[in-house]
PDB file of N, CA and C in Angstrom:
ATOM      1  N   UNK A   1      26.360 -28.831 -19.768  1.00  0.00           N
ATOM      2  CA  UNK A   1      25.029 -28.285 -19.871  1.00  0.00           C
ATOM      3  C   UNK A   1      24.535 -27.932 -18.465  1.00  0.00           C
ATOM      4  N   UNK A   2      23.905 -26.773 -18.335  1.00  0.00           N
ATOM      5  CA  UNK A   2      23.398 -26.311 -17.045  1.00  0.00           C
ATOM      6  C   UNK A   2      21.937 -26.688 -16.898  1.00  0.00           C
ATOM      7  N   UNK A   3      21.593 -27.201 -15.743  1.00  0.00           N
ATOM      8  CA  UNK A   3      20.193 -27.564 -15.479  1.00  0.00           C
ATOM      9  C   UNK A   3      19.466 -26.347 -14.911  1.00  0.00           C
ATOM     10  N   UNK A   4      18.248 -26.124 -15.380  1.00  0.00           N
ATOM     11  CA  UNK A   4      17.414 -25.033 -14.880  1.00  0.00           C
ATOM     12  C   UNK A   4      16.295 -25.608 -14.037  1.00  0.00           C
ATOM     13  N   UNK A   5      15.930 -24.935 -12.982  1.00  0.00           N
ATOM     14  CA  UNK A   5      14.831 -25.458 -12.161  1.00  0.00           C
ATOM     15  C   UNK A   5      13.518 -25.410 -12.947  1.00  0.00           C
ATOM     16  N   UNK A   6      12.681 -26.402 -12.747  1.00  0.00           N
ATOM     17  CA  UNK A   6      11.404 -26.467 -13.435  1.00  0.00           C
ATOM     18  C   UNK A   6      10.334 -25.612 -12.746  1.00  0.00           C
ATOM     19  N   UNK A   7      10.588 -25.224 -11.525  1.00  0.00           N
ATOM     20  CA  UNK A   7       9.626 -24.424 -10.768  1.00  0.00           C
ATOM     21  C   UNK A   7       9.918 -22.944 -11.019  1.00  0.00           C
ATOM     22  N   UNK A   8       8.903 -22.217 -11.422  1.00  0.00           N
ATOM     23  CA  UNK A   8       9.067 -20.780 -11.665  1.00  0.00           C
ATOM     24  C   UNK A   8       9.208 -20.055 -10.333  1.00  0.00           C
ATOM     25  N   UNK A   9      10.124 -19.126 -10.317  1.00  0.00           N
ATOM     26  CA  UNK A   9      10.313 -18.344  -9.099  1.00  0.00           C
ATOM     27  C   UNK A   9       9.384 -17.146  -9.127  1.00  0.00           C
ATOM     28  N   UNK A  10       8.736 -16.893  -8.003  1.00  0.00           N
ATOM     29  CA  UNK A  10       7.842 -15.757  -7.917  1.00  0.00           C
ATOM     30  C   UNK A  10       8.672 -14.483  -7.747  1.00  0.00           C
ATOM     31  N   UNK A  11       8.228 -13.389  -8.379  1.00  0.00           N
ATOM     32  CA  UNK A  11       8.958 -12.140  -8.185  1.00  0.00           C
ATOM     33  C   UNK A  11       8.831 -11.681  -6.732  1.00  0.00           C
ATOM     34  N   UNK A  12       9.853 -10.973  -6.291  1.00  0.00           N
ATOM     35  CA  UNK A  12       9.827 -10.479  -4.913  1.00  0.00           C
ATOM     36  C   UNK A  12       8.705  -9.467  -4.749  1.00  0.00           C
ATOM     37  N   UNK A  13       8.002  -9.574  -3.645  1.00  0.00           N
ATOM     38  CA  UNK A  13       6.911  -8.639  -3.372  1.00  0.00           C
ATOM     39  C   UNK A  13       7.485  -7.277  -2.997  1.00  0.00           C
ATOM     40  N   UNK A  14       6.798  -6.236  -3.444  1.00  0.00           N
ATOM     41  CA  UNK A  14       7.226  -4.889  -3.069  1.00  0.00           C
ATOM     42  C   UNK A  14       6.946  -4.686  -1.588  1.00  0.00           C
ATOM     43  N   UNK A  15       7.794  -3.918  -0.913  1.00  0.00           N
ATOM     44  CA  UNK A  15       7.515  -3.650   0.491  1.00  0.00           C
ATOM     45  C   UNK A  15       6.218  -2.848   0.603  1.00  0.00           C
ATOM     46  N   UNK A  16       5.475  -3.110   1.655  1.00  0.00           N
ATOM     47  CA  UNK A  16       4.203  -2.437   1.867  1.00  0.00           C
ATOM     48  C   UNK A  16       4.437  -0.956   2.119  1.00  0.00           C
ATOM     49  N   UNK A  17       3.677  -0.116   1.422  1.00  0.00           N
ATOM     50  CA  UNK A  17       3.826   1.329   1.595  1.00  0.00           C
ATOM     51  C   UNK A  17       3.200   1.763   2.894  1.00  0.00           C
ATOM     52  N   UNK A  18       3.850   2.701   3.563  1.00  0.00           N
ATOM     53  CA  UNK A  18       3.349   3.262   4.807  1.00  0.00           C
ATOM     54  C   UNK A  18       3.420   4.770   4.710  1.00  0.00           C
ATOM     55  N   UNK A  19       2.358   5.414   5.129  1.00  0.00           N
ATOM     56  CA  UNK A  19       2.284   6.873   5.126  1.00  0.00           C
ATOM     57  C   UNK A  19       2.118   7.361   6.553  1.00  0.00           C
ATOM     58  N   UNK A  20       2.632   8.546   6.823  1.00  0.00           N
ATOM     59  CA  UNK A  20       2.498   9.125   8.163  1.00  0.00           C
ATOM     60  C   UNK A  20       1.059   9.476   8.493  1.00  0.00           C
ATOM     61  N   UNK A  21       0.361  10.006   7.511  1.00  0.00           N
ATOM     62  CA  UNK A  21      -1.010  10.448   7.719  1.00  0.00           C
ATOM     63  C   UNK A  21      -1.970   9.258   7.637  1.00  0.00           C
ATOM     64  N   UNK A  22      -2.808   9.140   8.649  1.00  0.00           N
ATOM     65  CA  UNK A  22      -3.792   8.057   8.653  1.00  0.00           C
ATOM     66  C   UNK A  22      -4.741   8.180   7.462  1.00  0.00           C
ATOM     67  N   UNK A  23      -5.112   9.409   7.157  1.00  0.00           N
ATOM     68  CA  UNK A  23      -6.040   9.659   6.054  1.00  0.00           C
ATOM     69  C   UNK A  23      -5.442   9.210   4.714  1.00  0.00           C
ATOM     70  N   UNK A  24      -4.181   9.506   4.500  1.00  0.00           N
ATOM     71  CA  UNK A  24      -3.503   9.104   3.266  1.00  0.00           C
ATOM     72  C   UNK A  24      -3.324   7.591   3.248  1.00  0.00           C
ATOM     73  N   UNK A  25      -2.972   7.003   4.375  1.00  0.00           N
ATOM     74  CA  UNK A  25      -2.801   5.549   4.454  1.00  0.00           C
ATOM     75  C   UNK A  25      -4.107   4.832   4.132  1.00  0.00           C
ATOM     76  N   UNK A  26      -5.220   5.350   4.659  1.00  0.00           N
ATOM     77  CA  UNK A  26      -6.519   4.736   4.377  1.00  0.00           C
ATOM     78  C   UNK A  26      -6.842   4.800   2.882  1.00  0.00           C
ATOM     79  N   UNK A  27      -6.548   5.937   2.263  1.00  0.00           N
ATOM     80  CA  UNK A  27      -6.774   6.057   0.820  1.00  0.00           C
ATOM     81  C   UNK A  27      -5.912   5.044   0.068  1.00  0.00           C
ATOM     82  N   UNK A  28      -4.651   4.926   0.464  1.00  0.00           N
ATOM     83  CA  UNK A  28      -3.758   3.971  -0.198  1.00  0.00           C
ATOM     84  C   UNK A  28      -4.267   2.544  -0.029  1.00  0.00           C
ATOM     85  N   UNK A  29      -4.702   2.203   1.180  1.00  0.00           N
ATOM     86  CA  UNK A  29      -5.196   0.851   1.437  1.00  0.00           C
ATOM     87  C   UNK A  29      -6.445   0.533   0.606  1.00  0.00           C
ATOM     88  N   UNK A  30      -7.257   1.552   0.347  1.00  0.00           N
ATOM     89  CA  UNK A  30      -8.478   1.361  -0.449  1.00  0.00           C
ATOM     90  C   UNK A  30      -8.187   1.227  -1.938  1.00  0.00           C
ATOM     91  N   UNK A  31      -7.249   2.030  -2.452  1.00  0.00           N
ATOM     92  CA  UNK A  31      -7.091   2.039  -3.898  1.00  0.00           C
ATOM     93  C   UNK A  31      -5.701   2.319  -4.412  1.00  0.00           C
ATOM     94  N   UNK A  32      -4.695   2.183  -3.579  1.00  0.00           N
ATOM     95  CA  UNK A  32      -3.320   2.374  -4.027  1.00  0.00           C
ATOM     96  C   UNK A  32      -2.979   3.835  -4.282  1.00  0.00           C
ATOM     97  N   UNK A  33      -1.933   4.031  -5.061  1.00  0.00           N
ATOM     98  CA  UNK A  33      -1.442   5.385  -5.320  1.00  0.00           C
ATOM     99  C   UNK A  33      -2.456   6.239  -6.070  1.00  0.00           C
ATOM    100  N   UNK A  34      -3.288   5.615  -6.904  1.00  0.00           N
ATOM    101  CA  UNK A  34      -4.311   6.380  -7.613  1.00  0.00           C
ATOM    102  C   UNK A  34      -5.297   7.013  -6.627  1.00  0.00           C
ATOM    103  N   UNK A  35      -5.669   6.277  -5.594  1.00  0.00           N
ATOM    104  CA  UNK A  35      -6.593   6.808  -4.586  1.00  0.00           C
ATOM    105  C   UNK A  35      -5.937   7.933  -3.789  1.00  0.00           C
ATOM    106  N   UNK A  36      -4.641   7.824  -3.538  1.00  0.00           N
ATOM    107  CA  UNK A  36      -3.924   8.886  -2.827  1.00  0.00           C
ATOM    108  C   UNK A  36      -3.910  10.151  -3.682  1.00  0.00           C
ATOM    109  N   UNK A  37      -3.684  10.004  -4.983  1.00  0.00           N
ATOM    110  CA  UNK A  37      -3.694  11.163  -5.883  1.00  0.00           C
ATOM    111  C   UNK A  37      -5.064  11.838  -5.889  1.00  0.00           C
ATOM    112  N   UNK A  38      -6.125  11.042  -5.915  1.00  0.00           N
ATOM    113  CA  UNK A  38      -7.483  11.598  -5.892  1.00  0.00           C
ATOM    114  C   UNK A  38      -7.704  12.366  -4.595  1.00  0.00           C
ATOM    115  N   UNK A  39      -7.290  11.795  -3.478  1.00  0.00           N
ATOM    116  CA  UNK A  39      -7.432  12.461  -2.186  1.00  0.00           C
ATOM    117  C   UNK A  39      -6.674  13.781  -2.174  1.00  0.00           C
ATOM    118  N   UNK A  40      -5.432  13.760  -2.609  1.00  0.00           N
ATOM    119  CA  UNK A  40      -4.616  14.972  -2.581  1.00  0.00           C
ATOM    120  C   UNK A  40      -5.188  16.049  -3.500  1.00  0.00           C
ATOM    121  N   UNK A  41      -5.628  15.653  -4.676  1.00  0.00           N
ATOM    122  CA  UNK A  41      -6.224  16.638  -5.593  1.00  0.00           C
ATOM    123  C   UNK A  41      -7.482  17.250  -4.994  1.00  0.00           C
ATOM    124  N   UNK A  42      -8.278  16.432  -4.318  1.00  0.00           N
ATOM    125  CA  UNK A  42      -9.482  16.931  -3.665  1.00  0.00           C
ATOM    126  C   UNK A  42      -9.129  17.928  -2.562  1.00  0.00           C
ATOM    127  N   UNK A  43      -8.130  17.614  -1.758  1.00  0.00           N
ATOM    128  CA  UNK A  43      -7.716  18.520  -0.682  1.00  0.00           C
ATOM    129  C   UNK A  43      -7.216  19.846  -1.241  1.00  0.00           C
ATOM    130  N   UNK A  44      -6.423  19.789  -2.304  1.00  0.00           N
ATOM    131  CA  UNK A  44      -5.897  21.012  -2.925  1.00  0.00           C
ATOM    132  C   UNK A  44      -7.040  21.836  -3.511  1.00  0.00           C
ATOM    133  N   UNK A  45      -7.988  21.171  -4.145  1.00  0.00           N
ATOM    134  CA  UNK A  45      -9.139  21.859  -4.733  1.00  0.00           C
ATOM    135  C   UNK A  45      -9.969  22.545  -3.635  1.00  0.00           C
ATOM    136  N   UNK A  46     -10.177  21.855  -2.525  1.00  0.00           N
ATOM    137  CA  UNK A  46     -10.947  22.434  -1.414  1.00  0.00           C
ATOM    138  C   UNK A  46     -10.218  23.619  -0.792  1.00  0.00           C
ATOM    139  N   UNK A  47      -8.903  23.551  -0.706  1.00  0.00           N
ATOM    140  CA  UNK A  47      -8.123  24.671  -0.178  1.00  0.00           C
ATOM    141  C   UNK A  47      -8.247  25.876  -1.103  1.00  0.00           C
ATOM    142  N   UNK A  48      -8.196  25.638  -2.405  1.00  0.00           N
ATOM    143  CA  UNK A  48      -8.321  26.730  -3.372  1.00  0.00           C
ATOM    144  C   UNK A  48      -9.684  27.413  -3.250  1.00  0.00           C
ATOM    145  N   UNK A  49     -10.733  26.628  -3.004  1.00  0.00           N
ATOM    146  CA  UNK A  49     -12.069  27.202  -2.829  1.00  0.00           C
ATOM    147  C   UNK A  49     -12.125  28.113  -1.613  1.00  0.00           C
ATOM    148  N   UNK A  50     -11.301  27.836  -0.620  1.00  0.00           N
ATOM    149  CA  UNK A  50     -11.279  28.677   0.578  1.00  0.00           C
ATOM    150  C   UNK A  50     -10.306  29.843   0.430  1.00  0.00           C
ATOM    151  N   UNK A  51      -9.692  29.966  -0.750  1.00  0.00           N
ATOM    152  CA  UNK A  51      -8.822  31.103  -1.017  1.00  0.00           C
ATOM    153  C   UNK A  51      -7.342  30.859  -0.802  1.00  0.00           C
ATOM    154  N   UNK A  52      -6.971  29.653  -0.438  1.00  0.00           N
ATOM    155  CA  UNK A  52      -5.564  29.312  -0.216  1.00  0.00           C
ATOM    156  C   UNK A  52      -5.073  28.533  -1.423  1.00  0.00           C
ATOM    157  N   UNK A  53      -4.000  29.004  -2.032  1.00  0.00           N
ATOM    158  CA  UNK A  53      -3.490  28.368  -3.246  1.00  0.00           C
ATOM    159  C   UNK A  53      -2.397  27.355  -2.898  1.00  0.00           C
ATOM    160  N   UNK A  54      -2.640  26.125  -3.266  1.00  0.00           N
ATOM    161  CA  UNK A  54      -1.660  25.051  -3.100  1.00  0.00           C
ATOM    162  C   UNK A  54      -1.360  24.467  -4.463  1.00  0.00           C
ATOM    163  N   UNK A  55      -0.128  23.995  -4.634  1.00  0.00           N
ATOM    164  CA  UNK A  55       0.273  23.279  -5.838  1.00  0.00           C
ATOM    165  C   UNK A  55       1.041  22.039  -5.420  1.00  0.00           C
ATOM    166  N   UNK A  56       0.969  21.010  -6.224  1.00  0.00           N
ATOM    167  CA  UNK A  56       1.657  19.749  -5.912  1.00  0.00           C
ATOM    168  C   UNK A  56       3.150  19.956  -5.714  1.00  0.00           C
ATOM    169  N   UNK A  57       3.745  20.847  -6.520  1.00  0.00           N
ATOM    170  CA  UNK A  57       5.176  21.093  -6.463  1.00  0.00           C
ATOM    171  C   UNK A  57       5.646  21.767  -5.188  1.00  0.00           C
ATOM    172  N   UNK A  58       4.724  22.253  -4.374  1.00  0.00           N
ATOM    173  CA  UNK A  58       5.122  22.835  -3.089  1.00  0.00           C
ATOM    174  C   UNK A  58       5.674  21.762  -2.154  1.00  0.00           C
ATOM    175  N   UNK A  59       5.158  20.555  -2.271  1.00  0.00           N
ATOM    176  CA  UNK A  59       5.564  19.479  -1.359  1.00  0.00           C
ATOM    177  C   UNK A  59       6.334  18.352  -2.048  1.00  0.00           C
ATOM    178  N   UNK A  60       6.195  18.252  -3.378  1.00  0.00           N
ATOM    179  CA  UNK A  60       6.829  17.160  -4.106  1.00  0.00           C
ATOM    180  C   UNK A  60       7.905  17.680  -5.052  1.00  0.00           C
ATOM    181  N   UNK A  61       9.062  16.999  -5.039  1.00  0.00           N
ATOM    182  CA  UNK A  61      10.175  17.361  -5.920  1.00  0.00           C
ATOM    183  C   UNK A  61       9.914  16.968  -7.367  1.00  0.00           C
ATOM    184  N   UNK A  62       9.236  15.864  -7.567  1.00  0.00           N
ATOM    185  CA  UNK A  62       9.037  15.301  -8.895  1.00  0.00           C
ATOM    186  C   UNK A  62       7.592  14.835  -8.978  1.00  0.00           C
ATOM    187  N   UNK A  63       6.875  15.222 -10.013  1.00  0.00           N
ATOM    188  CA  UNK A  63       5.466  14.868 -10.109  1.00  0.00           C
ATOM    189  C   UNK A  63       5.218  13.560 -10.866  1.00  0.00           C
ATOM    190  N   UNK A  64       6.258  12.780 -11.032  1.00  0.00           N
ATOM    191  CA  UNK A  64       6.096  11.422 -11.575  1.00  0.00           C
ATOM    192  C   UNK A  64       6.201  10.385 -10.468  1.00  0.00           C
ATOM    193  N   UNK A  65       7.174  10.583  -9.589  1.00  0.00           N
ATOM    194  CA  UNK A  65       7.390   9.618  -8.508  1.00  0.00           C
ATOM    195  C   UNK A  65       6.977  10.170  -7.149  1.00  0.00           C
ATOM    196  N   UNK A  66       6.706  11.450  -7.067  1.00  0.00           N
ATOM    197  CA  UNK A  66       6.201  12.145  -5.879  1.00  0.00           C
ATOM    198  C   UNK A  66       7.067  12.045  -4.620  1.00  0.00           C
ATOM    199  N   UNK A  67       8.394  12.168  -4.741  1.00  0.00           N
ATOM    200  CA  UNK A  67       9.191  12.226  -3.510  1.00  0.00           C
ATOM    201  C   UNK A  67       8.881  13.536  -2.784  1.00  0.00           C
ATOM    202  N   UNK A  68       8.939  13.495  -1.469  1.00  0.00           N
ATOM    203  CA  UNK A  68       8.595  14.670  -0.671  1.00  0.00           C
ATOM    204  C   UNK A  68       9.789  15.594  -0.461  1.00  0.00           C
ATOM    205  N   UNK A  69       9.505  16.873  -0.464  1.00  0.00           N
ATOM    206  CA  UNK A  69      10.509  17.879  -0.120  1.00  0.00           C
ATOM    207  C   UNK A  69      10.596  17.971   1.398  1.00  0.00           C
ATOM    208  N   UNK A  70      11.701  18.522   1.917  1.00  0.00           N
ATOM    209  CA  UNK A  70      11.769  18.763   3.359  1.00  0.00           C
ATOM    210  C   UNK A  70      10.622  19.685   3.777  1.00  0.00           C
ATOM    211  N   UNK A  71       9.985  19.364   4.869  1.00  0.00           N
ATOM    212  CA  UNK A  71       8.883  20.179   5.377  1.00  0.00           C
ATOM    213  C   UNK A  71       7.530  19.840   4.779  1.00  0.00           C
ATOM    214  N   UNK A  72       7.488  18.838   3.910  1.00  0.00           N
ATOM    215  CA  UNK A  72       6.228  18.481   3.241  1.00  0.00           C
ATOM    216  C   UNK A  72       5.178  17.977   4.228  1.00  0.00           C
ATOM    217  N   UNK A  73       5.596  17.233   5.240  1.00  0.00           N
ATOM    218  CA  UNK A  73       4.628  16.710   6.208  1.00  0.00           C
ATOM    219  C   UNK A  73       3.961  17.845   6.979  1.00  0.00           C
ATOM    220  N   UNK A  74       4.750  18.828   7.357  1.00  0.00           N
ATOM    221  CA  UNK A  74       4.193  19.978   8.073  1.00  0.00           C
ATOM    222  C   UNK A  74       3.246  20.768   7.173  1.00  0.00           C
ATOM    223  N   UNK A  75       3.620  20.908   5.908  1.00  0.00           N
ATOM    224  CA  UNK A  75       2.767  21.614   4.944  1.00  0.00           C
ATOM    225  C   UNK A  75       1.460  20.858   4.732  1.00  0.00           C
ATOM    226  N   UNK A  76       1.532  19.540   4.714  1.00  0.00           N
ATOM    227  CA  UNK A  76       0.328  18.721   4.571  1.00  0.00           C
ATOM    228  C   UNK A  76      -0.597  18.911   5.771  1.00  0.00           C
ATOM    229  N   UNK A  77      -0.027  18.967   6.965  1.00  0.00           N
ATOM    230  CA  UNK A  77      -0.840  19.196   8.165  1.00  0.00           C
ATOM    231  C   UNK A  77      -1.546  20.551   8.087  1.00  0.00           C
ATOM    232  N   UNK A  78      -0.856  21.570   7.587  1.00  0.00           N
ATOM    233  CA  UNK A  78      -1.486  22.888   7.408  1.00  0.00           C
ATOM    234  C   UNK A  78      -2.627  22.805   6.390  1.00  0.00           C
ATOM    235  N   UNK A  79      -2.403  22.060   5.324  1.00  0.00           N
ATOM    236  CA  UNK A  79      -3.444  21.873   4.317  1.00  0.00           C
ATOM    237  C   UNK A  79      -4.681  21.222   4.938  1.00  0.00           C
ATOM    238  N   UNK A  80      -4.474  20.205   5.741  1.00  0.00           N
ATOM    239  CA  UNK A  80      -5.602  19.547   6.405  1.00  0.00           C
ATOM    240  C   UNK A  80      -6.344  20.492   7.337  1.00  0.00           C
ATOM    241  N   UNK A  81      -5.604  21.342   8.059  1.00  0.00           N
ATOM    242  CA  UNK A  81      -6.239  22.311   8.944  1.00  0.00           C
ATOM    243  C   UNK A  81      -7.075  23.323   8.166  1.00  0.00           C
ATOM    244  N   UNK A  82      -6.550  23.782   7.050  1.00  0.00           N
ATOM    245  CA  UNK A  82      -7.277  24.750   6.215  1.00  0.00           C
ATOM    246  C   UNK A  82      -8.567  24.129   5.701  1.00  0.00           C
ATOM    247  N   UNK A  83      -8.458  22.916   5.199  1.00  0.00           N
ATOM    248  CA  UNK A  83      -9.627  22.246   4.609  1.00  0.00           C
ATOM    249  C   UNK A  83     -10.671  21.921   5.675  1.00  0.00           C
ATOM    250  N   UNK A  84     -10.246  21.495   6.851  1.00  0.00           N
ATOM    251  CA  UNK A  84     -11.206  21.140   7.893  1.00  0.00           C
ATOM    252  C   UNK A  84     -11.851  22.380   8.521  1.00  0.00           C
ATOM    253  N   UNK A  85     -11.203  23.523   8.419  1.00  0.00           N
ATOM    254  CA  UNK A  85     -11.758  24.756   8.982  1.00  0.00           C
ATOM    255  C   UNK A  85     -12.842  25.338   8.081  1.00  0.00           C
ATOM    256  N   UNK A  86     -12.865  24.960   6.818  1.00  0.00           N
ATOM    257  CA  UNK A  86     -13.846  25.526   5.876  1.00  0.00           C
ATOM    258  C   UNK A  86     -14.833  24.502   5.430  1.00  0.00           C
TER     259      UNK A  86
END
């Protein structure tokens, strides 16, 4: 017969997420991935109001897990410049 420990093992903690952009990191720290999505949607909406069309798929390969495409960071910086200029 095998003995099992009586103490429950805690699940391993997920590694802390880190973002390159301070603005995105602050949103994540405030409210997790949901807050980041709200921030990104707001930025895209503001860019559209200024006449520049952005879509999530321009920077993300998959809209469920949101992995970044090559050049996504540079595209994000352009988005921030467009939004801050208007």
